[in-house]
Structure formats: C-alpha cells, structure tokens
C-alpha atoms as a PDB file:
ATOM      1  CA  MET A   1       0.042   0.098   0.090  1.00  0.00           C
ATOM      2  CA  SER A   2       1.505   3.425  -1.050  1.00  0.00           C
ATOM      3  CA  LEU A   3       0.948   6.392   1.115  1.00  0.00           C
ATOM      4  CA  PRO A   4      -0.023   9.762  -0.373  1.00  0.00           C
ATOM      5  CA  GLY A   5       2.835  11.876  -1.605  1.00  0.00           C
ATOM      6  CA  GLY A   6       5.187   8.919  -0.950  1.00  0.00           C
ATOM      7  CA  LYS A   7       7.576   7.280  -3.578  1.00  0.00           C
ATOM      8  CA  GLY A   8       5.744   5.295  -6.102  1.00  0.00           C
ATOM      9  CA  SER A   9       2.443   6.731  -4.844  1.00  0.00           C
ATOM     10  CA  ASN A  10      -0.618   5.923  -6.919  1.00  0.00           C
ATOM     11  CA  THR A  11      -3.081   7.931  -5.183  1.00  0.00           C
ATOM     12  CA  PHE A  12      -5.848   9.562  -7.127  1.00  0.00           C
ATOM     13  CA  ASP A  13      -6.744  12.200  -4.327  1.00  0.00           C
ATOM     14  CA  PRO A  14      -4.105  13.436  -1.951  1.00  0.00           C
ATOM     15  CA  ASN A  15      -6.184  12.797   1.291  1.00  0.00           C
ATOM     16  CA  ILE A  16      -7.306   9.159   0.406  1.00  0.00           C
ATOM     17  CA  ILE A  17      -5.192   6.210   0.193  1.00  0.00           C
ATOM     18  CA  TYR A  18      -5.608   3.905  -2.952  1.00  0.00           C
ATOM     19  CA  ILE A  19      -4.109   0.406  -3.158  1.00  0.00           C
ATOM     20  CA  ASN A  20      -3.040   0.450  -6.775  1.00  0.00           C
ATOM     21  CA  LYS A  21      -3.558   1.799 -10.304  1.00  0.00           C
ATOM     22  CA  LYS A  22      -6.313  -0.553 -10.891  1.00  0.00           C
ATOM     23  CA  GLU A  23      -8.546   0.941  -8.146  1.00  0.00           C
ATOM     24  CA  ARG A  24      -7.707   4.551  -9.446  1.00  0.00           C
ATOM     25  CA  ARG A  25      -8.882   3.584 -13.107  1.00  0.00           C
ATOM     26  CA  ILE A  26     -12.071   2.095 -11.458  1.00  0.00           C
ATOM     27  CA  VAL A  27     -12.814   5.383  -9.607  1.00  0.00           C
ATOM     28  CA  LEU A  28     -12.104   7.464 -12.755  1.00  0.00           C
ATOM     29  CA  GLY A  29     -14.355   5.139 -14.820  1.00  0.00           C
ATOM     30  CA  GLU A  30     -17.088   5.535 -12.295  1.00  0.00           C
ATOM     31  CA  ARG A  31     -16.943   9.217 -12.308  1.00  0.00           C
ATOM     32  CA  ILE A  32     -16.795   9.496 -16.248  1.00  0.00           C
ATOM     33  CA  SER A  33     -19.905   7.206 -16.461  1.00  0.00           C
ATOM     34  CA  GLY A  34     -21.718   8.879 -13.448  1.00  0.00           C
ATOM     35  CA  ARG A  35     -21.196  12.313 -15.305  1.00  0.00           C
ATOM     36  CA  GLY A  36     -22.800  11.017 -18.337  1.00  0.00           C
ATOM     37  CA  LYS A  37     -25.784   9.689 -16.381  1.00  0.00           C
ATOM     38  CA  ASN A  38     -25.884  12.861 -14.409  1.00  0.00           C
ATOM     39  CA  ALA A  39     -26.096  14.968 -17.658  1.00  0.00           C
ATOM     40  CA  ALA A  40     -28.745  12.500 -19.075  1.00  0.00           C
ATOM     41  CA  ALA A  41     -31.004  13.149 -16.088  1.00  0.00           C
ATOM     42  CA  PHE A  42     -30.668  16.790 -16.264  1.00  0.00           C
ATOM     43  CA  MET A  43     -31.500  16.862 -20.024  1.00  0.00           C
ATOM     44  CA  VAL A  44     -34.512  14.617 -19.562  1.00  0.00           C
ATOM     45  CA  GLY A  45     -35.695  16.985 -16.993  1.00  0.00           C
ATOM     46  CA  MET A  46     -35.209  19.926 -19.435  1.00  0.00           C
ATOM     47  CA  LEU A  47     -37.206  18.045 -22.208  1.00  0.00           C
ATOM     48  CA  LEU A  48     -40.132  17.260 -20.138  1.00  0.00           C
ATOM     49  CA  GLY A  49     -39.974  20.873 -18.595  1.00  0.00           C
ATOM     50  CA  THR A  50     -39.939  22.293 -22.078  1.00  0.00           C
ATOM     51  CA  TRP A  51     -43.185  20.172 -23.007  1.00  0.00           C
ATOM     52  CA  PHE A  52     -44.799  21.119 -19.682  1.00  0.00           C
ATOM     53  CA  GLY A  53     -43.830  24.911 -20.070  1.00  0.00           C
ATOM     54  CA  ASN A  54     -45.397  25.114 -23.354  1.00  0.00           C
ATOM     55  CA  GLY A  55     -48.661  23.452 -22.232  1.00  0.00           C
ATOM     56  CA  SER A  56     -50.183  23.169 -18.877  1.00  0.00           C
ATOM     57  CA  ALA A  57     -47.710  25.598 -17.011  1.00  0.00           C
ATOM     58  CA  LEU A  58     -48.765  28.484 -19.218  1.00  0.00           C
ATOM     59  CA  ASP A  59     -52.094  28.698 -17.199  1.00  0.00           C
ATOM     60  CA  LEU A  60     -50.343  28.982 -13.962  1.00  0.00           C
ATOM     61  CA  VAL A  61     -47.785  31.801 -14.582  1.00  0.00           C
ATOM     62  CA  TYR A  62     -50.048  34.602 -13.723  1.00  0.00           C
ATOM     63  CA  GLU A  63     -50.962  32.963 -10.277  1.00  0.00           C
ATOM     64  CA  ILE A  64     -47.410  32.108  -9.218  1.00  0.00           C
ATOM     65  CA  GLY A  65     -43.876  33.252  -9.721  1.00  0.00           C
ATOM     66  CA  ILE A  66     -42.535  36.660 -11.329  1.00  0.00           C
ATOM     67  CA  PHE A  67     -45.580  37.219 -13.488  1.00  0.00           C
ATOM     68  CA  SER A  68     -47.863  37.408 -10.504  1.00  0.00           C
ATOM     69  CA  SER A  69     -49.070  40.752  -9.138  1.00  0.00           C
ATOM     70  CA  GLU A  70     -47.985  39.519  -5.593  1.00  0.00           C
ATOM     71  CA  TYR A  71     -44.408  39.238  -6.764  1.00  0.00           C
ATOM     72  CA  PHE A  72     -44.324  42.768  -8.028  1.00  0.00           C
ATOM     73  CA  THR A  73     -45.771  44.093  -4.952  1.00  0.00           C
ATOM     74  CA  TRP A  74     -43.338  42.181  -2.902  1.00  0.00           C
ATOM     75  CA  LEU A  75     -40.310  43.535  -4.923  1.00  0.00           C
ATOM     76  CA  GLN A  76     -41.478  47.049  -4.063  1.00  0.00           C
ATOM     77  CA  GLN A  77     -42.456  46.514  -0.391  1.00  0.00           C
ATOM     78  CA  ARG A  78     -39.961  43.720   0.869  1.00  0.00           C
ATOM     79  CA  ASN A  79     -38.176  44.300   4.189  1.00  0.00           C
ATOM     80  CA  PRO A  80     -35.042  42.978   6.081  1.00  0.00           C
ATOM     81  CA  GLU A  81     -37.389  40.457   7.934  1.00  0.00           C
ATOM     82  CA  ASP A  82     -38.496  38.935   4.695  1.00  0.00           C
ATOM     83  CA  LEU A  83     -34.981  38.624   3.388  1.00  0.00           C
ATOM     84  CA  ARG A  84     -33.902  36.861   6.626  1.00  0.00           C
ATOM     85  CA  ASN A  85     -36.894  34.468   6.501  1.00  0.00           C
ATOM     86  CA  ILE A  86     -36.187  33.697   2.747  1.00  0.00           C
ATOM     87  CA  PHE A  87     -32.538  33.203   3.503  1.00  0.00           C
ATOM     88  CA  LEU A  88     -33.354  30.520   6.268  1.00  0.00           C
ATOM     89  CA  PHE A  89     -35.919  29.011   4.061  1.00  0.00           C
ATOM     90  CA  LEU A  90     -33.245  28.626   1.177  1.00  0.00           C
ATOM     91  CA  MET A  91     -30.700  27.179   3.540  1.00  0.00           C
ATOM     92  CA  LEU A  92     -33.127  24.328   4.593  1.00  0.00           C
ATOM     93  CA  PHE A  93     -35.000  23.960   1.139  1.00  0.00           C
ATOM     94  CA  ARG A  94     -31.620  23.770  -0.896  1.00  0.00           C
ATOM     95  CA  GLY A  95     -29.234  22.551   1.752  1.00  0.00           C
ATOM     96  CA  LEU A  96     -31.015  19.564   3.432  1.00  0.00           C
ATOM     97  CA  PRO A  97     -31.448  17.429   0.344  1.00  0.00           C
ATOM     98  CA  LEU A  98     -27.722  17.873  -0.445  1.00  0.00           C
ATOM     99  CA  VAL A  99     -26.752  16.948   2.895  1.00  0.00           C
ATOM    100  CA  PHE A 100     -28.789  14.051   3.011  1.00  0.00           C
ATOM    101  CA  ILE A 101     -27.357  12.771  -0.321  1.00  0.00           C
ATOM    102  CA  LEU A 102     -23.831  13.111   1.008  1.00  0.00           C
ATOM    103  CA  VAL A 103     -24.528  11.328   4.260  1.00  0.00           C
ATOM    104  CA  ILE A 104     -26.703   8.375   3.400  1.00  0.00           C
ATOM    105  CA  PRO A 105     -24.628   5.090   2.946  1.00  0.00           C
ATOM    106  CA  ARG A 106     -26.149   3.927  -0.363  1.00  0.00           C
ATOM    107  CA  GLY A 107     -28.046   5.521  -3.312  1.00  0.00           C
ATOM    108  CA  LYS A 108     -26.234   8.748  -3.351  1.00  0.00           C
ATOM    109  CA  ALA A 109     -25.854   8.719  -7.228  1.00  0.00           C
ATOM    110  CA  ILE A 110     -29.510   7.897  -7.933  1.00  0.00           C
ATOM    111  CA  LEU A 111     -30.584  10.657  -5.669  1.00  0.00           C
ATOM    112  CA  PHE A 112     -28.247  13.068  -7.005  1.00  0.00           C
ATOM    113  CA  ARG A 113     -29.735  12.237 -10.447  1.00  0.00           C
ATOM    114  CA  VAL A 114     -33.127  12.703  -9.028  1.00  0.00           C
ATOM    115  CA  LEU A 115     -32.308  15.987  -7.810  1.00  0.00           C
ATOM    116  CA  LEU A 116     -30.632  17.191 -11.247  1.00  0.00           C
ATOM    117  CA  PHE A 117     -33.900  15.855 -13.012  1.00  0.00           C
ATOM    118  CA  LEU A 118     -35.958  18.094 -10.814  1.00  0.00           C
ATOM    119  CA  TYR A 119     -33.542  20.956 -11.461  1.00  0.00           C
ATOM    120  CA  GLY A 120     -33.593  20.579 -15.067  1.00  0.00           C
ATOM    121  CA  PHE A 121     -37.439  20.368 -15.200  1.00  0.00           C
ATOM    122  CA  SER A 122     -38.115  23.452 -13.089  1.00  0.00           C
ATOM    123  CA  VAL A 123     -35.474  25.513 -15.010  1.00  0.00           C
ATOM    124  CA  SER A 124     -36.928  24.474 -18.316  1.00  0.00           C
ATOM    125  CA  VAL A 125     -40.363  25.177 -17.310  1.00  0.00           C
ATOM    126  CA  VAL A 126     -39.619  28.716 -16.102  1.00  0.00           C
ATOM    127  CA  GLY A 127     -37.414  29.316 -19.224  1.00  0.00           C
ATOM    128  CA  SER A 128     -40.017  28.006 -21.706  1.00  0.00           C
ATOM    129  CA  VAL A 129     -42.938  30.176 -20.223  1.00  0.00           C
ATOM    130  CA  THR A 130     -40.610  33.329 -20.068  1.00  0.00           C
ATOM    131  CA  LEU A 131     -39.513  32.906 -23.715  1.00  0.00           C
ATOM    132  CA  LEU A 132     -43.110  32.175 -24.858  1.00  0.00           C
ATOM    133  CA  LEU A 133     -44.671  35.146 -23.166  1.00  0.00           C
ATOM    134  CA  LEU A 134     -41.877  37.752 -23.751  1.00  0.00           C
ATOM    135  CA  GLY A 135     -40.105  36.431 -26.821  1.00  0.00           C
ATOM    136  CA  LEU A 136     -36.287  37.535 -27.145  1.00  0.00           C
ATOM    137  CA  ARG A 137     -36.790  39.880 -24.014  1.00  0.00           C
ATOM    138  CA  GLY A 138     -37.584  36.666 -21.934  1.00  0.00           C
ATOM    139  CA  ALA A 139     -34.047  35.626 -22.481  1.00  0.00           C
ATOM    140  CA  LEU A 140     -32.705  38.375 -20.335  1.00  0.00           C
ATOM    141  CA  VAL A 141     -35.406  37.868 -17.850  1.00  0.00           C
ATOM    142  CA  PHE A 142     -34.733  34.246 -17.589  1.00  0.00           C
ATOM    143  CA  LEU A 143     -30.874  34.701 -17.178  1.00  0.00           C
ATOM    144  CA  THR A 144     -31.693  37.231 -14.382  1.00  0.00           C
ATOM    145  CA  MET A 145     -33.896  34.731 -12.632  1.00  0.00           C
ATOM    146  CA  LEU A 146     -30.670  32.500 -12.425  1.00  0.00           C
ATOM    147  CA  PHE A 147     -28.153  35.238 -11.483  1.00  0.00           C
ATOM    148  CA  PRO A 148     -26.088  35.655  -9.131  1.00  0.00           C
ATOM    149  CA  HIS A 149     -27.109  32.594  -7.046  1.00  0.00           C
ATOM    150  CA  GLY A 150     -27.106  30.053  -9.960  1.00  0.00           C
ATOM    151  CA  VAL A 151     -23.375  30.494 -10.281  1.00  0.00           C
ATOM    152  CA  PHE A 152     -22.790  29.488  -6.579  1.00  0.00           C
ATOM    153  CA  TYR A 153     -25.368  26.598  -7.036  1.00  0.00           C
ATOM    154  CA  VAL A 154     -23.647  25.149 -10.075  1.00  0.00           C
ATOM    155  CA  ILE A 155     -20.289  25.203  -8.347  1.00  0.00           C
ATOM    156  CA  LEU A 156     -21.926  23.480  -5.382  1.00  0.00           C
ATOM    157  CA  LEU A 157     -23.378  20.818  -7.557  1.00  0.00           C
ATOM    158  CA  TYR A 158     -20.099  20.177  -9.347  1.00  0.00           C
ATOM    159  CA  GLN A 159     -18.341  19.853  -5.961  1.00  0.00           C
ATOM    160  CA  ILE A 160     -20.848  17.496  -4.727  1.00  0.00           C
ATOM    161  CA  GLU A 161     -20.834  15.412  -7.769  1.00  0.00           C
ATOM    162  CA  LYS A 162     -16.980  15.046  -7.108  1.00  0.00           C
ATOM    163  CA  GLU A 163     -17.691  13.804  -3.526  1.00  0.00           C
ATOM    164  CA  LEU A 164     -20.025  11.128  -4.614  1.00  0.00           C
ATOM    165  CA  TYR A 165     -17.140   9.124  -5.795  1.00  0.00           C
ATOM    166  CA  VAL A 166     -14.202  10.095  -3.552  1.00  0.00           C
ATOM    167  CA  GLY A 167     -16.117  10.635  -0.368  1.00  0.00           C
ATOM    168  CA  ILE A 168     -15.681  13.508   2.259  1.00  0.00           C
ATOM    169  CA  ARG A 169     -13.152  11.745   4.420  1.00  0.00           C
ATOM    170  CA  GLY A 170      -9.507  11.947   5.119  1.00  0.00           C
ATOM    171  CA  LYS A 171      -7.294  14.781   6.403  1.00  0.00           C
ATOM    172  CA  TRP A 172      -9.390  17.726   4.713  1.00  0.00           C
ATOM    173  CA  MET A 173     -12.820  16.325   5.704  1.00  0.00           C
ATOM    174  CA  ILE A 174     -13.667  19.399   7.956  1.00  0.00           C
ATOM    175  CA  GLN A 175     -12.414  21.812   5.327  1.00  0.00           C
ATOM    176  CA  ARG A 176     -14.246  20.345   2.606  1.00  0.00           C
ATOM    177  CA  TRP A 177     -17.524  20.354   4.699  1.00  0.00           C
ATOM    178  CA  LEU A 178     -16.807  24.001   5.415  1.00  0.00           C
ATOM    179  CA  PHE A 179     -16.134  24.688   1.660  1.00  0.00           C
ATOM    180  CA  LEU A 180     -19.684  23.224   0.670  1.00  0.00           C
ATOM    181  CA  LEU A 181     -21.307  25.061   3.440  1.00  0.00           C
ATOM    182  CA  SER A 182     -19.789  28.321   2.439  1.00  0.00           C
ATOM    183  CA  LEU A 183     -20.965  27.744  -1.196  1.00  0.00           C
ATOM    184  CA  LEU A 184     -24.547  27.098   0.159  1.00  0.00           C
ATOM    185  CA  ILE A 185     -24.545  30.184   2.315  1.00  0.00           C
ATOM    186  CA  PHE A 186     -23.210  32.419  -0.599  1.00  0.00           C
ATOM    187  CA  ALA A 187     -25.848  31.104  -2.938  1.00  0.00           C
ATOM    188  CA  ALA A 188     -28.756  31.388  -0.520  1.00  0.00           C
ATOM    189  CA  ALA A 189     -27.519  34.933   0.679  1.00  0.00           C
ATOM    190  CA  SER A 190     -27.414  36.087  -3.013  1.00  0.00           C
ATOM    191  CA  GLU A 191     -30.672  34.528  -4.027  1.00  0.00           C
ATOM    192  CA  ALA A 192     -32.329  36.123  -0.944  1.00  0.00           C
ATOM    193  CA  CYS A 193     -30.637  39.589  -0.987  1.00  0.00           C
ATOM    194  CA  LEU A 194     -29.086  40.567  -4.427  1.00  0.00           C
ATOM    195  CA  HIS A 195     -31.300  38.629  -6.619  1.00  0.00           C
ATOM    196  CA  PRO A 196     -34.655  40.568  -5.851  1.00  0.00           C
ATOM    197  CA  GLN A 197     -32.880  43.935  -6.288  1.00  0.00           C
ATOM    198  CA  ILE A 198     -31.576  42.611  -9.818  1.00  0.00           C
ATOM    199  CA  MET A 199     -35.062  41.239 -10.714  1.00  0.00           C
ATOM    200  CA  LYS A 200     -36.643  44.548  -9.567  1.00  0.00           C
ATOM    201  CA  TRP A 201     -34.484  46.589 -11.911  1.00  0.00           C
ATOM    202  CA  VAL A 202     -34.920  44.176 -14.974  1.00  0.00           C
ATOM    203  CA  LEU A 203     -38.631  44.212 -14.410  1.00  0.00           C
ATOM    204  CA  ASN A 204     -39.070  47.787 -14.000  1.00  0.00           C
ATOM    205  CA  THR A 205     -36.910  48.175 -17.381  1.00  0.00           C
ATOM    206  CA  ILE A 206     -38.503  45.589 -19.589  1.00  0.00           C
ATOM    207  CA  PRO A 207     -42.196  45.717 -20.273  1.00  0.00           C
ATOM    208  CA  MET A 208     -43.780  42.521 -18.970  1.00  0.00           C
ATOM    209  CA  SER A 209     -46.102  42.115 -21.950  1.00  0.00           C
ATOM    210  CA  GLY A 210     -45.987  40.133 -25.250  1.00  0.00           C
ATOM    211  CA  SER A 211     -44.484  41.672 -28.261  1.00  0.00           C
END
C-alpha cells in the first residue's frame, strides 16, 4: 500500500489512500460514467420541462412566480425580515437534500440524479414560459432569474458530484464540509438579498407584456 505523496504513490486524491492503479482507474471510470448519467438526467428533466412549460404551465404563470401581481408588490415592499426568512428557508430547502445525499450510505448517485432531473425540469419550465410570453426579451429575464445565485449553485453541485465518488473523508474532511457550506451560504444569501434587487431593476426596465 502506498501513502499519499510517498515514493511510487498511486493516489488519486491526496487525502485518500488507494491500493493500486487498478483501483484508481475504477474510480475514474465510475466518475466519467456517472457524469454521463447525471447529464442525461438533467437533459431529460429539461425536455419534459419544455413540454410542460409550453402547455399546462402557461395557465399558472399569472398566479405564481414573477408574472404574478403579488411578486411585483413584494419586490417594491420587501423588508429585512422578509430577506432573513427567505435566506433561512433557502438554507433548509436547498441544503437539506444535498446534505442527505452526502451522508446516506447507499443510493447517493441515484438521488443526485433525481435532484438534477428536478432542477432541469423546473429551470426548463420557467425558461419556456418566459420565452413564450416575452419573446427575445424573455431571454434576459430568464438569465436574471438565475443570477447571481445560480453560479454558486452550479459550483456547489459540481463539488458534490465529485464527492459522490471520492467521499468526504481523510485529512481535509472538515475543510471540505466548510467549503460546501460556504458555497451554500453564498448561494442562499445572493438569492435572498441580491437577486430580488436585480429582478426589480430588470422588471421595471423591460415591459412585462408580449411583443
């Protein structure tokens, strides 16, 4: 058995000991195969979301989401307590599923793909409805819906996808958990605090009506 950093080391991760090159190839193969399945789950979700967004979802957009009058009112009248409550809700709503995936002993990859499917579905529904109602202007509105928090969520999902195959263990276990928690905090804080302000500016600039 070779030690990390030692002579003749065959380690794949500096904090995890692997026995030989064969095991490292197995881990690499699992990660490459897993990423293909993860991408497929996300794409299937997007395809179904596009179909749903161009059909049944269109009747709901004026009752929920950014097209509702309640959302416009909230953007104008939101207060610090609202932002705090939204932040705490996002930490639980976004964070608990990810933590659950990381700590369960079996089925991590399957649950992660289910999560990617749901993300792909929801993003595609919103994007389809926005483009259908606003045309090319909807592209800017849709991108604004994902900014800036979407950047942190993508990085967070990428890091979690890596941990599915190497595991959060070894010398830097605490640091890795803190890094993932930091990404989640930045994502939730930007979605609760920065995102509404950006959306308010965009929605006040772009007419929310068809071409």
